[in-house]
N, C-alpha and C. Protein backbone atom coordinates (compact mmCIF):
# COMPACT_ATOMS: atom_id res chain seq x y z
N MET A 1 32.25 -58.25 -189.27
CA MET A 1 32.18 -59.47 -188.86
C MET A 1 31.47 -60.64 -190.10
N PRO A 2 32.15 -61.76 -190.02
CA PRO A 2 31.64 -62.67 -190.99
C PRO A 2 30.40 -63.25 -190.68
N SER A 3 29.26 -63.11 -191.90
CA SER A 3 28.06 -64.23 -191.40
C SER A 3 28.09 -65.75 -191.02
N THR A 4 27.07 -66.18 -190.49
CA THR A 4 27.05 -67.60 -190.70
C THR A 4 25.91 -68.04 -191.32
N PRO A 5 25.89 -68.60 -192.59
CA PRO A 5 25.00 -69.00 -193.43
C PRO A 5 23.93 -70.08 -192.47
N ILE A 6 22.60 -70.07 -192.53
CA ILE A 6 21.96 -70.62 -191.71
C ILE A 6 20.43 -71.19 -192.90
N ALA A 7 19.92 -72.04 -192.96
CA ALA A 7 18.93 -72.45 -193.76
C ALA A 7 17.35 -72.72 -192.51
N ILE A 8 16.38 -72.25 -193.32
CA ILE A 8 15.35 -72.46 -192.54
C ILE A 8 14.86 -73.40 -193.00
N ARG A 9 13.99 -74.61 -192.02
CA ARG A 9 13.66 -75.93 -192.43
C ARG A 9 12.42 -76.35 -191.56
N ARG A 10 11.75 -77.20 -192.10
CA ARG A 10 10.54 -77.56 -191.10
C ARG A 10 11.19 -78.52 -189.85
N ALA A 11 10.68 -78.28 -188.85
CA ALA A 11 10.63 -79.25 -187.68
C ALA A 11 10.28 -80.46 -187.85
N ARG A 12 11.23 -81.40 -187.29
CA ARG A 12 10.75 -83.01 -187.16
C ARG A 12 10.36 -83.59 -186.24
N GLY A 13 9.64 -84.56 -186.03
CA GLY A 13 9.12 -85.15 -185.27
C GLY A 13 9.96 -85.79 -183.89
N ASP A 14 10.91 -85.73 -184.03
CA ASP A 14 12.06 -86.20 -183.19
C ASP A 14 12.75 -84.87 -182.23
N GLU A 15 12.11 -83.44 -182.81
CA GLU A 15 12.55 -82.69 -181.99
C GLU A 15 11.46 -81.82 -181.05
N ALA A 16 10.28 -82.51 -181.07
CA ALA A 16 9.16 -82.09 -180.31
C ALA A 16 9.62 -82.27 -178.57
N GLY A 17 10.68 -82.65 -178.18
CA GLY A 17 11.01 -82.86 -176.91
C GLY A 17 11.59 -81.14 -176.80
N CYS A 18 12.62 -81.07 -177.76
CA CYS A 18 13.44 -79.94 -177.72
C CYS A 18 12.56 -78.58 -177.71
N LEU A 19 11.65 -78.83 -178.46
CA LEU A 19 10.57 -77.51 -179.01
C LEU A 19 9.73 -77.30 -177.76
N SER A 20 9.37 -78.40 -177.07
CA SER A 20 8.44 -78.31 -175.85
C SER A 20 9.13 -77.40 -174.51
N ASP A 21 10.49 -78.21 -174.53
CA ASP A 21 11.26 -77.50 -173.52
C ASP A 21 11.46 -75.90 -173.69
N LEU A 22 11.89 -75.81 -174.88
CA LEU A 22 11.62 -74.46 -175.37
C LEU A 22 10.86 -73.45 -174.96
N ALA A 23 9.53 -73.83 -175.63
CA ALA A 23 8.04 -73.14 -175.16
C ALA A 23 7.86 -73.09 -173.72
N PHE A 24 8.26 -73.96 -173.04
CA PHE A 24 7.97 -73.89 -171.59
C PHE A 24 9.09 -73.15 -170.84
N ARG A 25 10.14 -73.15 -171.53
CA ARG A 25 11.41 -72.02 -170.83
C ARG A 25 10.73 -70.45 -171.29
N SER A 26 10.39 -70.71 -172.49
CA SER A 26 9.75 -69.21 -173.04
C SER A 26 9.18 -68.54 -171.94
N LYS A 27 8.25 -69.56 -171.65
CA LYS A 27 6.93 -68.82 -171.10
C LYS A 27 7.36 -68.74 -169.62
N ALA A 28 8.24 -69.54 -169.00
CA ALA A 28 9.19 -69.29 -167.70
C ALA A 28 9.59 -68.14 -167.57
N HIS A 29 10.18 -67.54 -168.67
CA HIS A 29 11.06 -66.69 -168.65
C HIS A 29 10.31 -65.33 -168.13
N TRP A 30 9.01 -64.90 -168.12
CA TRP A 30 7.90 -64.10 -167.66
C TRP A 30 7.76 -64.05 -166.50
N GLY A 31 8.34 -65.16 -165.50
CA GLY A 31 8.04 -65.23 -164.45
C GLY A 31 6.78 -65.35 -163.77
N TYR A 32 5.92 -66.05 -164.68
CA TYR A 32 4.92 -66.76 -163.79
C TYR A 32 4.95 -67.62 -162.78
N PRO A 33 3.81 -67.79 -161.96
CA PRO A 33 4.14 -68.74 -160.77
C PRO A 33 4.26 -70.37 -161.48
N LEU A 34 4.74 -71.30 -160.68
CA LEU A 34 5.14 -72.17 -161.13
C LEU A 34 3.88 -72.95 -161.13
N ASP A 35 2.85 -72.81 -160.31
CA ASP A 35 1.57 -73.60 -160.63
C ASP A 35 1.06 -73.31 -161.68
N TRP A 36 1.00 -72.10 -162.45
CA TRP A 36 0.42 -71.63 -163.57
C TRP A 36 1.16 -72.30 -164.75
N LEU A 37 2.58 -72.49 -164.62
CA LEU A 37 3.12 -73.04 -165.69
C LEU A 37 2.92 -74.56 -165.86
N ALA A 38 2.97 -75.10 -164.59
CA ALA A 38 2.51 -76.29 -164.50
C ALA A 38 1.07 -76.76 -165.40
N ARG A 39 0.01 -75.81 -164.98
CA ARG A 39 -1.03 -75.66 -165.51
C ARG A 39 -1.31 -75.70 -167.09
N TRP A 40 -0.06 -74.74 -167.38
CA TRP A 40 -0.17 -74.59 -169.14
C TRP A 40 0.63 -75.42 -169.62
N ARG A 41 1.75 -76.66 -169.31
CA ARG A 41 2.58 -77.65 -169.75
C ARG A 41 1.80 -78.19 -170.65
N PRO A 42 0.37 -78.85 -170.59
CA PRO A 42 -0.02 -79.59 -171.73
C PRO A 42 -0.23 -78.56 -173.12
N GLU A 43 -0.60 -77.38 -173.20
CA GLU A 43 -0.63 -76.69 -174.09
C GLU A 43 0.66 -76.19 -174.88
N LEU A 44 1.87 -76.07 -173.77
CA LEU A 44 3.26 -75.26 -174.50
C LEU A 44 3.91 -77.09 -174.69
N THR A 45 3.60 -78.07 -174.97
CA THR A 45 4.04 -79.27 -175.16
C THR A 45 3.77 -79.62 -176.71
N VAL A 46 5.09 -79.90 -177.39
CA VAL A 46 4.47 -80.16 -179.12
C VAL A 46 4.48 -81.49 -179.25
N ASN A 47 3.67 -82.04 -179.92
CA ASN A 47 3.12 -83.58 -180.21
C ASN A 47 3.91 -84.26 -181.19
N PRO A 48 4.81 -85.08 -181.38
CA PRO A 48 5.61 -85.44 -182.32
C PRO A 48 4.63 -85.72 -183.76
N GLN A 49 3.59 -86.09 -183.48
CA GLN A 49 2.84 -86.79 -184.45
C GLN A 49 1.96 -85.53 -185.17
N THR A 50 1.71 -84.51 -184.47
CA THR A 50 1.10 -83.49 -185.03
C THR A 50 1.79 -82.43 -185.44
N LEU A 51 3.49 -82.62 -185.04
CA LEU A 51 4.13 -81.81 -185.72
C LEU A 51 4.44 -82.52 -186.99
N GLU A 52 4.80 -83.62 -187.30
CA GLU A 52 4.76 -84.25 -188.45
C GLU A 52 3.76 -84.37 -189.57
N ALA A 53 2.42 -84.26 -189.19
CA ALA A 53 1.16 -84.12 -189.70
C ALA A 53 0.98 -82.58 -190.03
N THR A 54 1.50 -81.86 -189.50
CA THR A 54 1.43 -80.29 -189.69
C THR A 54 2.59 -79.47 -189.98
N PRO A 55 3.38 -79.80 -190.90
CA PRO A 55 4.55 -79.51 -190.74
C PRO A 55 5.00 -78.08 -190.84
N THR A 56 4.12 -77.36 -191.03
CA THR A 56 4.43 -75.48 -191.36
C THR A 56 3.64 -74.86 -189.67
N PHE A 57 3.87 -75.66 -189.08
CA PHE A 57 3.31 -74.62 -187.63
C PHE A 57 4.82 -74.35 -186.95
N VAL A 58 5.79 -74.86 -187.33
CA VAL A 58 6.94 -74.24 -186.78
C VAL A 58 8.19 -74.72 -187.85
N ALA A 59 9.21 -73.66 -187.62
CA ALA A 59 10.33 -73.61 -188.62
C ALA A 59 11.40 -73.57 -187.77
N VAL A 60 12.70 -74.14 -187.78
CA VAL A 60 13.99 -74.39 -187.40
C VAL A 60 14.76 -73.87 -188.07
N ALA A 61 15.66 -72.78 -187.60
CA ALA A 61 16.84 -72.38 -188.14
C ALA A 61 18.26 -73.14 -187.96
N GLU A 62 18.88 -73.87 -189.05
CA GLU A 62 20.39 -74.28 -188.59
C GLU A 62 21.43 -73.70 -189.17
N VAL A 63 22.62 -73.72 -188.92
CA VAL A 63 23.74 -73.07 -188.98
C VAL A 63 23.97 -74.37 -190.33
N VAL A 64 24.41 -73.82 -191.78
CA VAL A 64 24.72 -74.52 -192.91
C VAL A 64 26.04 -74.63 -192.76
N LYS A 65 26.79 -76.17 -192.79
CA LYS A 65 28.26 -76.25 -192.74
C LYS A 65 28.72 -76.09 -194.46
N LEU A 66 29.36 -75.63 -194.89
CA LEU A 66 29.83 -75.38 -196.19
C LEU A 66 30.88 -76.48 -196.33
N SER A 67 30.56 -77.29 -197.53
CA SER A 67 31.98 -78.03 -197.63
C SER A 67 32.56 -77.02 -198.80
N VAL A 68 34.19 -77.55 -198.30
CA VAL A 68 35.17 -76.32 -199.25
C VAL A 68 35.95 -77.18 -200.31
């Protein structure tokens, strides 16, 4: 099976919404009650300014498109 090249990079501020959604869906996967999830939403929300100021707190893997 051929491997797909990936690169690990810092997350960008414009990805905060996607990362927040991922954090929320990951927590919801465990079947917590909806009112608990609602209470935790602030802690699961990634702030774009914080992400830019602290770029080491999350990394993103992306597929590398190789030019031939």
